[in-house]
Amino acid sequence: MKIRYNTVVGVVLLAFVFMDCCLTAFFIAGNKGLGPIPAGLVAGFWIGLIAGILYLTQTYFEVAANNLVIRSLVGITSKTYAFNSSRDFSIEGKKVYLVTGGKRIQLPLYAWLADKRGWTKFIQWIQGVKTPAV
């Protein structure tokens, strides 16, 4: 089961990029003694554009056979957690825990960063409502 990043976050970032473009156009059109375009607007454009596209296209985490793989937004790094069954997971409030090797680990998973349908599917799997498509 693959859970993607929340598309709302990506859309909001791209909306900020649009506002950044509008501010840049304002500086270009009305550049009568205002000086050059602020570097923050240029940096904000590129950072927002790249982050927005990544949030719309990347996988946040994946549950496969007996592994949970949490992927980073940028780069190829990932963190893998081994488990035996969905019963190894627990949910307390908005936090997800994994019991493995006698240790209880809080996983760096956040509902607001995950696609809502994917997150719901993951929580239902933990609670035993559904099984993942592996």
N, C-alpha and C. Protein backbone atom coordinates (compact mmCIF):
# COMPACT_ATOMS: atom_id res chain seq x y z
N MET A 1 0.86 -1.16 0.00
CA MET A 1 0.00 0.00 0.00
C MET A 1 0.91 1.23 0.00
N LYS A 2 0.73 2.09 -0.98
CA LYS A 2 1.51 3.32 -1.09
C LYS A 2 0.65 4.50 -0.69
N ILE A 3 1.17 5.34 0.19
CA ILE A 3 0.46 6.54 0.61
C ILE A 3 1.27 7.73 0.11
N ARG A 4 0.61 8.57 -0.64
CA ARG A 4 1.26 9.74 -1.23
C ARG A 4 1.21 10.91 -0.25
N TYR A 5 1.95 11.94 -0.58
CA TYR A 5 1.88 13.18 0.19
C TYR A 5 0.54 13.85 -0.05
N ASN A 6 0.14 14.69 0.86
CA ASN A 6 -1.11 15.43 0.78
C ASN A 6 -1.03 16.42 -0.39
N THR A 7 -1.96 16.27 -1.34
CA THR A 7 -1.94 17.14 -2.52
C THR A 7 -2.29 18.58 -2.17
N VAL A 8 -3.02 18.78 -1.09
CA VAL A 8 -3.38 20.15 -0.68
C VAL A 8 -2.12 20.95 -0.36
N VAL A 9 -1.14 20.32 0.27
CA VAL A 9 0.11 21.00 0.58
C VAL A 9 0.80 21.43 -0.71
N GLY A 10 0.84 20.55 -1.70
CA GLY A 10 1.45 20.89 -2.98
C GLY A 10 0.73 22.01 -3.69
N VAL A 11 -0.59 21.99 -3.66
CA VAL A 11 -1.38 23.03 -4.32
C VAL A 11 -1.17 24.38 -3.62
N VAL A 12 -1.12 24.37 -2.29
CA VAL A 12 -0.88 25.62 -1.55
C VAL A 12 0.50 26.18 -1.89
N LEU A 13 1.49 25.31 -1.96
CA LEU A 13 2.83 25.78 -2.33
C LEU A 13 2.83 26.39 -3.73
N LEU A 14 2.14 25.75 -4.66
CA LEU A 14 2.07 26.30 -6.03
C LEU A 14 1.27 27.60 -6.07
N ALA A 15 0.29 27.75 -5.18
CA ALA A 15 -0.43 29.03 -5.09
C ALA A 15 0.51 30.13 -4.61
N PHE A 16 1.39 29.80 -3.65
CA PHE A 16 2.38 30.77 -3.20
C PHE A 16 3.34 31.13 -4.34
N VAL A 17 3.66 30.17 -5.17
CA VAL A 17 4.52 30.44 -6.34
C VAL A 17 3.81 31.43 -7.27
N PHE A 18 2.51 31.25 -7.47
CA PHE A 18 1.75 32.17 -8.31
C PHE A 18 1.78 33.58 -7.71
N MET A 19 1.59 33.69 -6.39
CA MET A 19 1.64 35.01 -5.74
C MET A 19 3.04 35.60 -5.86
N ASP A 20 4.05 34.75 -5.77
CA ASP A 20 5.43 35.19 -5.93
C ASP A 20 5.64 35.77 -7.32
N CYS A 21 5.07 35.10 -8.34
CA CYS A 21 5.18 35.60 -9.72
C CYS A 21 4.50 36.96 -9.85
N CYS A 22 3.35 37.12 -9.18
CA CYS A 22 2.65 38.40 -9.23
C CYS A 22 3.48 39.50 -8.59
N LEU A 23 4.10 39.20 -7.45
CA LEU A 23 4.96 40.20 -6.80
C LEU A 23 6.17 40.53 -7.67
N THR A 24 6.74 39.52 -8.30
CA THR A 24 7.88 39.75 -9.19
C THR A 24 7.46 40.63 -10.36
N ALA A 25 6.28 40.36 -10.94
CA ALA A 25 5.77 41.19 -12.04
C ALA A 25 5.57 42.63 -11.57
N PHE A 26 5.10 42.80 -10.33
CA PHE A 26 4.93 44.14 -9.76
C PHE A 26 6.27 44.86 -9.71
N PHE A 27 7.31 44.16 -9.25
CA PHE A 27 8.63 44.78 -9.17
C PHE A 27 9.19 45.10 -10.55
N ILE A 28 8.93 44.24 -11.51
CA ILE A 28 9.44 44.49 -12.87
C ILE A 28 8.69 45.66 -13.51
N ALA A 29 7.36 45.67 -13.38
CA ALA A 29 6.54 46.72 -14.00
C ALA A 29 6.75 48.07 -13.33
N GLY A 30 6.89 48.06 -12.04
CA GLY A 30 7.00 49.33 -11.32
C GLY A 30 8.38 49.59 -10.79
N ASN A 31 9.38 49.14 -11.50
CA ASN A 31 10.76 49.26 -11.02
C ASN A 31 11.31 50.65 -11.31
N LYS A 32 10.68 51.64 -10.72
CA LYS A 32 11.14 53.03 -10.89
C LYS A 32 11.83 53.45 -9.61
N GLY A 33 13.09 53.13 -9.52
CA GLY A 33 13.86 53.48 -8.34
C GLY A 33 13.75 52.47 -7.22
N LEU A 34 13.04 51.35 -7.43
CA LEU A 34 12.91 50.35 -6.37
C LEU A 34 14.12 49.42 -6.31
N GLY A 35 14.94 49.43 -7.31
CA GLY A 35 16.10 48.57 -7.32
C GLY A 35 15.80 47.22 -7.95
N PRO A 36 16.72 46.29 -7.82
CA PRO A 36 16.54 44.96 -8.45
C PRO A 36 15.47 44.14 -7.72
N ILE A 37 15.05 43.07 -8.38
CA ILE A 37 14.06 42.17 -7.78
C ILE A 37 14.70 41.53 -6.55
N PRO A 38 14.01 41.53 -5.41
CA PRO A 38 14.58 40.94 -4.20
C PRO A 38 14.92 39.46 -4.40
N ALA A 39 16.06 39.06 -3.88
CA ALA A 39 16.52 37.67 -4.02
C ALA A 39 15.55 36.71 -3.34
N GLY A 40 14.86 37.17 -2.29
CA GLY A 40 13.89 36.32 -1.60
C GLY A 40 12.75 35.89 -2.50
N LEU A 41 12.33 36.79 -3.40
CA LEU A 41 11.26 36.43 -4.34
C LEU A 41 11.73 35.37 -5.33
N VAL A 42 12.96 35.52 -5.79
CA VAL A 42 13.50 34.54 -6.74
C VAL A 42 13.68 33.19 -6.05
N ALA A 43 14.25 33.19 -4.86
CA ALA A 43 14.46 31.95 -4.11
C ALA A 43 13.12 31.32 -3.75
N GLY A 44 12.16 32.14 -3.32
CA GLY A 44 10.83 31.63 -2.98
C GLY A 44 10.14 30.97 -4.15
N PHE A 45 10.34 31.53 -5.34
CA PHE A 45 9.75 30.95 -6.54
C PHE A 45 10.29 29.54 -6.77
N TRP A 46 11.61 29.39 -6.79
CA TRP A 46 12.20 28.09 -7.10
C TRP A 46 11.95 27.06 -6.00
N ILE A 47 12.08 27.47 -4.76
CA ILE A 47 11.84 26.54 -3.65
C ILE A 47 10.38 26.11 -3.64
N GLY A 48 9.47 27.05 -3.79
CA GLY A 48 8.04 26.73 -3.81
C GLY A 48 7.66 25.86 -4.98
N LEU A 49 8.20 26.15 -6.16
CA LEU A 49 7.89 25.37 -7.35
C LEU A 49 8.36 23.92 -7.21
N ILE A 50 9.61 23.74 -6.80
CA ILE A 50 10.15 22.39 -6.65
C ILE A 50 9.43 21.62 -5.55
N ALA A 51 9.24 22.25 -4.39
CA ALA A 51 8.55 21.57 -3.28
C ALA A 51 7.10 21.25 -3.65
N GLY A 52 6.41 22.16 -4.32
CA GLY A 52 5.03 21.92 -4.73
C GLY A 52 4.91 20.74 -5.67
N ILE A 53 5.80 20.66 -6.63
CA ILE A 53 5.78 19.54 -7.58
C ILE A 53 6.10 18.23 -6.86
N LEU A 54 7.07 18.26 -5.95
CA LEU A 54 7.42 17.04 -5.21
C LEU A 54 6.25 16.56 -4.35
N TYR A 55 5.56 17.47 -3.67
CA TYR A 55 4.40 17.08 -2.85
C TYR A 55 3.30 16.47 -3.72
N LEU A 56 3.19 16.89 -4.95
CA LEU A 56 2.15 16.36 -5.83
C LEU A 56 2.53 15.03 -6.48
N THR A 57 3.81 14.69 -6.50
CA THR A 57 4.23 13.51 -7.26
C THR A 57 4.86 12.39 -6.44
N GLN A 58 5.33 12.67 -5.24
CA GLN A 58 6.11 11.69 -4.49
C GLN A 58 5.26 10.84 -3.54
N THR A 59 5.78 9.65 -3.22
CA THR A 59 5.18 8.76 -2.23
C THR A 59 5.72 9.12 -0.86
N TYR A 60 4.84 9.25 0.13
CA TYR A 60 5.23 9.58 1.50
C TYR A 60 5.77 8.34 2.21
N PHE A 61 4.96 7.28 2.24
CA PHE A 61 5.44 6.02 2.81
C PHE A 61 4.73 4.86 2.14
N GLU A 62 5.30 3.67 2.35
CA GLU A 62 4.79 2.47 1.69
C GLU A 62 4.80 1.32 2.68
N VAL A 63 3.70 0.57 2.70
CA VAL A 63 3.61 -0.64 3.51
C VAL A 63 3.69 -1.81 2.55
N ALA A 64 4.74 -2.61 2.70
CA ALA A 64 4.93 -3.78 1.85
C ALA A 64 5.19 -4.99 2.75
N ALA A 65 4.86 -6.17 2.28
CA ALA A 65 5.05 -7.44 3.00
C ALA A 65 5.23 -7.24 4.51
N ASN A 66 6.46 -7.13 4.98
CA ASN A 66 6.72 -6.93 6.41
C ASN A 66 7.62 -5.72 6.66
N ASN A 67 7.49 -4.71 5.82
CA ASN A 67 8.29 -3.51 5.95
C ASN A 67 7.44 -2.26 5.76
N LEU A 68 7.76 -1.25 6.55
CA LEU A 68 7.20 0.08 6.36
C LEU A 68 8.37 0.95 5.90
N VAL A 69 8.24 1.56 4.74
CA VAL A 69 9.32 2.38 4.19
C VAL A 69 8.84 3.83 4.14
N ILE A 70 9.52 4.70 4.87
CA ILE A 70 9.21 6.13 4.86
C ILE A 70 10.24 6.81 3.98
N ARG A 71 9.77 7.47 2.94
CA ARG A 71 10.66 8.09 1.96
C ARG A 71 10.82 9.59 2.27
N SER A 72 12.00 10.11 1.96
CA SER A 72 12.20 11.54 2.13
C SER A 72 11.63 12.27 0.93
N LEU A 73 11.25 13.51 1.14
CA LEU A 73 10.67 14.30 0.05
C LEU A 73 11.71 14.60 -1.02
N VAL A 74 12.93 14.87 -0.59
CA VAL A 74 14.01 15.21 -1.50
C VAL A 74 15.12 14.18 -1.35
N GLY A 75 15.61 13.69 -2.45
CA GLY A 75 16.70 12.73 -2.41
C GLY A 75 16.20 11.30 -2.48
N ILE A 76 17.13 10.37 -2.30
CA ILE A 76 16.78 8.96 -2.43
C ILE A 76 16.81 8.23 -1.09
N THR A 77 16.98 8.95 -0.01
CA THR A 77 17.04 8.31 1.30
C THR A 77 15.67 7.86 1.75
N SER A 78 15.67 6.79 2.52
CA SER A 78 14.42 6.28 3.09
C SER A 78 14.76 5.56 4.39
N LYS A 79 13.77 5.40 5.23
CA LYS A 79 13.92 4.70 6.50
C LYS A 79 12.99 3.51 6.47
N THR A 80 13.50 2.31 6.73
CA THR A 80 12.71 1.09 6.69
C THR A 80 12.54 0.53 8.10
N TYR A 81 11.30 0.19 8.42
CA TYR A 81 10.97 -0.42 9.70
C TYR A 81 10.35 -1.79 9.43
N ALA A 82 10.90 -2.83 10.09
CA ALA A 82 10.37 -4.18 9.92
C ALA A 82 9.28 -4.43 10.96
N PHE A 83 8.27 -5.20 10.55
CA PHE A 83 7.19 -5.58 11.47
C PHE A 83 6.67 -6.96 11.08
N ASN A 84 5.93 -7.58 12.00
CA ASN A 84 5.37 -8.90 11.74
C ASN A 84 3.94 -8.83 11.23
N SER A 85 3.14 -7.95 11.82
CA SER A 85 1.74 -7.81 11.39
C SER A 85 1.27 -6.41 11.76
N SER A 86 0.06 -6.09 11.34
CA SER A 86 -0.49 -4.77 11.64
C SER A 86 -0.70 -4.59 13.14
N ARG A 87 -0.72 -5.68 13.89
CA ARG A 87 -0.88 -5.59 15.35
C ARG A 87 0.36 -5.02 16.03
N ASP A 88 1.47 -4.93 15.32
CA ASP A 88 2.68 -4.32 15.87
C ASP A 88 2.57 -2.80 15.94
N PHE A 89 1.57 -2.24 15.27
CA PHE A 89 1.36 -0.80 15.26
C PHE A 89 0.30 -0.41 16.28
N SER A 90 0.42 0.80 16.79
CA SER A 90 -0.63 1.36 17.65
C SER A 90 -0.76 2.84 17.36
N ILE A 91 -1.93 3.35 17.65
CA ILE A 91 -2.22 4.76 17.42
C ILE A 91 -2.65 5.37 18.74
N GLU A 92 -2.02 6.45 19.12
CA GLU A 92 -2.39 7.20 20.32
C GLU A 92 -2.53 8.66 19.92
N GLY A 93 -3.76 9.13 19.90
CA GLY A 93 -4.01 10.48 19.42
C GLY A 93 -3.68 10.56 17.95
N LYS A 94 -2.72 11.41 17.61
CA LYS A 94 -2.31 11.55 16.22
C LYS A 94 -0.94 10.92 15.96
N LYS A 95 -0.44 10.16 16.92
CA LYS A 95 0.88 9.55 16.79
C LYS A 95 0.76 8.06 16.48
N VAL A 96 1.67 7.59 15.63
CA VAL A 96 1.71 6.18 15.25
C VAL A 96 2.97 5.56 15.87
N TYR A 97 2.79 4.43 16.54
CA TYR A 97 3.89 3.73 17.19
C TYR A 97 4.05 2.34 16.59
N LEU A 98 5.29 1.84 16.65
CA LEU A 98 5.60 0.49 16.21
C LEU A 98 6.37 -0.21 17.32
N VAL A 99 5.92 -1.40 17.68
CA VAL A 99 6.63 -2.21 18.67
C VAL A 99 7.44 -3.25 17.89
N THR A 100 8.74 -3.15 18.00
CA THR A 100 9.62 -4.07 17.30
C THR A 100 10.83 -4.37 18.18
N GLY A 101 11.17 -5.63 18.29
CA GLY A 101 12.32 -6.03 19.10
C GLY A 101 12.19 -5.61 20.55
N GLY A 102 10.97 -5.59 21.06
CA GLY A 102 10.75 -5.19 22.45
C GLY A 102 10.81 -3.69 22.69
N LYS A 103 11.02 -2.92 21.64
CA LYS A 103 11.08 -1.46 21.78
C LYS A 103 9.86 -0.83 21.13
N ARG A 104 9.38 0.23 21.72
CA ARG A 104 8.26 0.99 21.18
C ARG A 104 8.81 2.26 20.54
N ILE A 105 8.59 2.40 19.24
CA ILE A 105 9.16 3.52 18.48
C ILE A 105 8.03 4.40 17.95
N GLN A 106 8.16 5.71 18.17
CA GLN A 106 7.21 6.63 17.55
C GLN A 106 7.68 6.88 16.12
N LEU A 107 6.81 6.59 15.17
CA LEU A 107 7.16 6.75 13.76
C LEU A 107 6.96 8.20 13.30
N PRO A 108 7.83 8.69 12.43
CA PRO A 108 7.68 10.06 11.93
C PRO A 108 6.63 10.13 10.82
N LEU A 109 5.40 9.76 11.15
CA LEU A 109 4.27 9.81 10.22
C LEU A 109 3.26 10.81 10.75
N TYR A 110 2.78 11.67 9.86
CA TYR A 110 1.85 12.73 10.26
C TYR A 110 0.66 12.76 9.31
N ALA A 111 -0.53 12.76 9.88
CA ALA A 111 -1.75 12.71 9.08
C ALA A 111 -1.85 13.90 8.13
N TRP A 112 -1.44 15.07 8.53
CA TRP A 112 -1.59 16.26 7.69
C TRP A 112 -0.68 16.20 6.47
N LEU A 113 0.41 15.42 6.54
CA LEU A 113 1.31 15.29 5.40
C LEU A 113 0.88 14.21 4.42
N ALA A 114 -0.02 13.33 4.85
CA ALA A 114 -0.42 12.19 4.01
C ALA A 114 -1.72 12.48 3.29
N ASP A 115 -1.86 11.87 2.12
CA ASP A 115 -3.11 11.90 1.38
C ASP A 115 -4.22 11.35 2.28
N LYS A 116 -5.35 12.03 2.33
CA LYS A 116 -6.40 11.67 3.28
C LYS A 116 -6.92 10.24 3.07
N ARG A 117 -7.18 9.86 1.82
CA ARG A 117 -7.67 8.50 1.56
C ARG A 117 -6.63 7.45 1.91
N GLY A 118 -5.39 7.70 1.57
CA GLY A 118 -4.31 6.77 1.88
C GLY A 118 -4.11 6.63 3.38
N TRP A 119 -4.18 7.76 4.11
CA TRP A 119 -4.02 7.74 5.56
C TRP A 119 -5.15 6.94 6.20
N THR A 120 -6.38 7.16 5.73
CA THR A 120 -7.53 6.43 6.26
C THR A 120 -7.37 4.93 6.02
N LYS A 121 -6.91 4.57 4.84
CA LYS A 121 -6.68 3.17 4.50
C LYS A 121 -5.62 2.56 5.42
N PHE A 122 -4.55 3.31 5.69
CA PHE A 122 -3.48 2.86 6.58
C PHE A 122 -4.00 2.65 8.00
N ILE A 123 -4.77 3.60 8.51
CA ILE A 123 -5.33 3.49 9.87
C ILE A 123 -6.29 2.31 9.95
N GLN A 124 -7.11 2.12 8.94
CA GLN A 124 -8.03 0.98 8.93
C GLN A 124 -7.26 -0.33 8.90
N TRP A 125 -6.16 -0.38 8.19
CA TRP A 125 -5.33 -1.57 8.17
C TRP A 125 -4.78 -1.87 9.56
N ILE A 126 -4.30 -0.82 10.24
CA ILE A 126 -3.78 -1.00 11.61
C ILE A 126 -4.88 -1.53 12.53
N GLN A 127 -6.09 -1.00 12.37
CA GLN A 127 -7.20 -1.40 13.23
C GLN A 127 -7.82 -2.72 12.81
N GLY A 128 -7.32 -3.31 11.73
CA GLY A 128 -7.82 -4.60 11.30
C GLY A 128 -9.06 -4.56 10.44
N VAL A 129 -9.45 -3.39 9.95
CA VAL A 129 -10.64 -3.24 9.14
C VAL A 129 -10.40 -3.76 7.72
N LYS A 130 -9.22 -3.44 7.18
CA LYS A 130 -8.90 -3.84 5.81
C LYS A 130 -7.47 -4.38 5.79
N THR A 131 -7.14 -5.15 4.79
CA THR A 131 -5.78 -5.60 4.58
C THR A 131 -5.20 -4.85 3.39
N PRO A 132 -3.90 -4.56 3.42
CA PRO A 132 -3.30 -3.80 2.31
C PRO A 132 -3.14 -4.66 1.07
N ALA A 133 -3.18 -3.98 -0.06
CA ALA A 133 -2.89 -4.64 -1.33
C ALA A 133 -1.39 -4.61 -1.50
N VAL A 134 -0.74 -5.74 -1.33
CA VAL A 134 0.73 -5.81 -1.39
C VAL A 134 1.16 -6.31 -2.75
